[in-house]
Amino acid sequence: MTTLSVPDISCGHCKSSIEGAVGKLDGVSTVEVSIDGRSVDVEFGSPTDLEAIIAAIEDQGYEVAR
């Protein structure tokens, strides 16, 4: 499990948007957004890598803290 910090998460729409985008990636087994924690927990394997997950989140308009 990898946890990413996404400071811009603030509502249910953010949660749905990110979970939908990341969940569509081939190789992602689970994705859970915490609104209160402003974080995204992801379990993934090949062929998806961390950069693809970050790109999917950023494509939705959210910045991932690195």
N, C-alpha and C. Protein backbone atom coordinates (compact mmCIF):
# COMPACT_ATOMS: atom_id res chain seq x y z
N MET A 1 0.85 -1.18 0.00
CA MET A 1 0.00 0.00 0.00
C MET A 1 0.89 1.24 0.00
N THR A 2 0.56 2.16 -0.86
CA THR A 2 1.26 3.43 -0.95
C THR A 2 0.28 4.55 -0.59
N THR A 3 0.74 5.50 0.20
CA THR A 3 -0.09 6.64 0.58
C THR A 3 0.51 7.90 -0.03
N LEU A 4 -0.35 8.63 -0.75
CA LEU A 4 0.07 9.89 -1.36
C LEU A 4 -0.66 11.04 -0.68
N SER A 5 0.04 12.12 -0.45
CA SER A 5 -0.55 13.32 0.14
C SER A 5 -1.07 14.21 -0.98
N VAL A 6 -2.37 14.55 -0.89
CA VAL A 6 -3.00 15.40 -1.90
C VAL A 6 -3.73 16.52 -1.14
N PRO A 7 -3.03 17.62 -0.87
CA PRO A 7 -3.57 18.69 -0.02
C PRO A 7 -4.87 19.33 -0.50
N ASP A 8 -5.16 19.24 -1.80
CA ASP A 8 -6.35 19.91 -2.34
C ASP A 8 -7.64 19.13 -2.15
N ILE A 9 -7.59 17.92 -1.61
CA ILE A 9 -8.80 17.13 -1.39
C ILE A 9 -9.65 17.82 -0.33
N SER A 10 -10.93 18.11 -0.68
CA SER A 10 -11.77 18.81 0.29
C SER A 10 -13.23 18.37 0.29
N CYS A 11 -13.62 17.49 -0.64
CA CYS A 11 -15.05 17.17 -0.72
C CYS A 11 -15.28 15.81 -1.38
N GLY A 12 -16.53 15.43 -1.41
CA GLY A 12 -16.92 14.17 -2.02
C GLY A 12 -16.63 14.11 -3.51
N HIS A 13 -16.74 15.25 -4.19
CA HIS A 13 -16.42 15.27 -5.61
C HIS A 13 -14.95 14.95 -5.84
N CYS A 14 -14.07 15.50 -5.00
CA CYS A 14 -12.64 15.21 -5.09
C CYS A 14 -12.42 13.71 -4.96
N LYS A 15 -13.05 13.13 -3.95
CA LYS A 15 -12.92 11.70 -3.68
C LYS A 15 -13.35 10.87 -4.89
N SER A 16 -14.52 11.17 -5.43
CA SER A 16 -15.05 10.43 -6.57
C SER A 16 -14.16 10.58 -7.80
N SER A 17 -13.72 11.78 -8.05
CA SER A 17 -12.89 12.07 -9.21
C SER A 17 -11.58 11.30 -9.17
N ILE A 18 -10.90 11.36 -8.03
CA ILE A 18 -9.61 10.69 -7.90
C ILE A 18 -9.78 9.18 -7.90
N GLU A 19 -10.73 8.67 -7.13
CA GLU A 19 -10.93 7.21 -7.08
C GLU A 19 -11.30 6.66 -8.45
N GLY A 20 -12.11 7.41 -9.20
CA GLY A 20 -12.48 6.96 -10.53
C GLY A 20 -11.30 6.91 -11.48
N ALA A 21 -10.50 7.96 -11.48
CA ALA A 21 -9.36 8.04 -12.40
C ALA A 21 -8.29 7.01 -12.07
N VAL A 22 -7.95 6.90 -10.80
CA VAL A 22 -6.89 5.96 -10.40
C VAL A 22 -7.39 4.52 -10.51
N GLY A 23 -8.65 4.31 -10.16
CA GLY A 23 -9.22 2.97 -10.22
C GLY A 23 -9.28 2.38 -11.60
N LYS A 24 -9.27 3.22 -12.64
CA LYS A 24 -9.30 2.75 -14.02
C LYS A 24 -7.95 2.26 -14.52
N LEU A 25 -6.89 2.58 -13.80
CA LEU A 25 -5.56 2.19 -14.25
C LEU A 25 -5.38 0.68 -14.13
N ASP A 26 -4.84 0.08 -15.17
CA ASP A 26 -4.58 -1.36 -15.18
C ASP A 26 -3.52 -1.68 -14.14
N GLY A 27 -3.83 -2.58 -13.24
CA GLY A 27 -2.89 -2.96 -12.20
C GLY A 27 -3.23 -2.41 -10.82
N VAL A 28 -4.18 -1.46 -10.75
CA VAL A 28 -4.60 -0.91 -9.46
C VAL A 28 -5.64 -1.84 -8.87
N SER A 29 -5.36 -2.36 -7.67
CA SER A 29 -6.31 -3.27 -7.03
C SER A 29 -7.25 -2.55 -6.08
N THR A 30 -6.77 -1.53 -5.36
CA THR A 30 -7.63 -0.73 -4.49
C THR A 30 -7.15 0.71 -4.48
N VAL A 31 -8.11 1.60 -4.32
CA VAL A 31 -7.80 3.02 -4.15
C VAL A 31 -8.83 3.59 -3.20
N GLU A 32 -8.35 4.30 -2.19
CA GLU A 32 -9.24 4.90 -1.21
C GLU A 32 -8.75 6.30 -0.88
N VAL A 33 -9.64 7.27 -1.05
CA VAL A 33 -9.33 8.67 -0.76
C VAL A 33 -9.86 9.02 0.62
N SER A 34 -9.02 9.65 1.42
CA SER A 34 -9.42 10.16 2.73
C SER A 34 -9.56 11.67 2.63
N ILE A 35 -10.80 12.16 2.75
CA ILE A 35 -11.03 13.60 2.69
C ILE A 35 -10.39 14.28 3.91
N ASP A 36 -10.62 13.73 5.10
CA ASP A 36 -10.06 14.32 6.32
C ASP A 36 -8.54 14.28 6.32
N GLY A 37 -7.97 13.17 5.86
CA GLY A 37 -6.52 13.02 5.85
C GLY A 37 -5.86 13.64 4.64
N ARG A 38 -6.69 14.05 3.68
CA ARG A 38 -6.18 14.61 2.42
C ARG A 38 -5.09 13.72 1.83
N SER A 39 -5.47 12.44 1.71
CA SER A 39 -4.52 11.46 1.21
C SER A 39 -5.22 10.42 0.34
N VAL A 40 -4.41 9.71 -0.43
CA VAL A 40 -4.89 8.65 -1.30
C VAL A 40 -4.07 7.40 -1.00
N ASP A 41 -4.75 6.32 -0.60
CA ASP A 41 -4.10 5.03 -0.39
C ASP A 41 -4.34 4.18 -1.63
N VAL A 42 -3.26 3.63 -2.17
CA VAL A 42 -3.36 2.85 -3.41
C VAL A 42 -2.57 1.56 -3.27
N GLU A 43 -3.19 0.46 -3.68
CA GLU A 43 -2.49 -0.81 -3.84
C GLU A 43 -2.43 -1.07 -5.33
N PHE A 44 -1.23 -1.35 -5.84
CA PHE A 44 -1.09 -1.54 -7.28
C PHE A 44 0.07 -2.46 -7.59
N GLY A 45 0.07 -2.93 -8.81
CA GLY A 45 1.15 -3.77 -9.31
C GLY A 45 1.31 -3.51 -10.80
N SER A 46 2.12 -4.31 -11.42
CA SER A 46 2.39 -4.17 -12.84
C SER A 46 1.10 -4.26 -13.64
N PRO A 47 0.90 -3.49 -14.66
CA PRO A 47 1.84 -2.59 -15.33
C PRO A 47 1.82 -1.15 -14.82
N THR A 48 1.01 -0.85 -13.82
CA THR A 48 0.94 0.52 -13.30
C THR A 48 2.13 0.80 -12.40
N ASP A 49 2.63 2.02 -12.48
CA ASP A 49 3.69 2.44 -11.57
C ASP A 49 3.25 3.73 -10.86
N LEU A 50 4.05 4.14 -9.91
CA LEU A 50 3.70 5.31 -9.10
C LEU A 50 3.52 6.57 -9.94
N GLU A 51 4.35 6.74 -10.94
CA GLU A 51 4.26 7.93 -11.79
C GLU A 51 2.93 7.97 -12.55
N ALA A 52 2.43 6.82 -12.98
CA ALA A 52 1.14 6.77 -13.68
C ALA A 52 0.00 7.16 -12.73
N ILE A 53 0.10 6.73 -11.48
CA ILE A 53 -0.92 7.08 -10.48
C ILE A 53 -0.90 8.58 -10.20
N ILE A 54 0.28 9.12 -10.02
CA ILE A 54 0.41 10.56 -9.78
C ILE A 54 -0.13 11.34 -10.98
N ALA A 55 0.19 10.90 -12.18
CA ALA A 55 -0.29 11.57 -13.39
C ALA A 55 -1.82 11.53 -13.46
N ALA A 56 -2.43 10.41 -13.09
CA ALA A 56 -3.89 10.30 -13.12
C ALA A 56 -4.53 11.27 -12.13
N ILE A 57 -3.93 11.42 -10.96
CA ILE A 57 -4.44 12.37 -9.96
C ILE A 57 -4.28 13.80 -10.47
N GLU A 58 -3.11 14.11 -11.00
CA GLU A 58 -2.85 15.46 -11.48
C GLU A 58 -3.72 15.80 -12.69
N ASP A 59 -4.04 14.81 -13.51
CA ASP A 59 -4.93 15.03 -14.66
C ASP A 59 -6.34 15.43 -14.21
N GLN A 60 -6.69 15.09 -12.98
CA GLN A 60 -8.00 15.48 -12.43
C GLN A 60 -7.95 16.88 -11.80
N GLY A 61 -6.77 17.49 -11.79
CA GLY A 61 -6.64 18.86 -11.29
C GLY A 61 -6.14 18.98 -9.87
N TYR A 62 -5.61 17.88 -9.33
CA TYR A 62 -5.11 17.90 -7.95
C TYR A 62 -3.60 17.72 -7.94
N GLU A 63 -2.94 18.46 -7.06
CA GLU A 63 -1.49 18.36 -6.96
C GLU A 63 -1.11 17.33 -5.90
N VAL A 64 -0.18 16.47 -6.23
CA VAL A 64 0.33 15.49 -5.29
C VAL A 64 1.58 16.07 -4.64
N ALA A 65 1.59 16.13 -3.31
CA ALA A 65 2.75 16.64 -2.58
C ALA A 65 3.86 15.61 -2.67
N ARG A 66 5.04 16.07 -3.04
CA ARG A 66 6.17 15.14 -3.19
C ARG A 66 7.24 15.43 -2.18
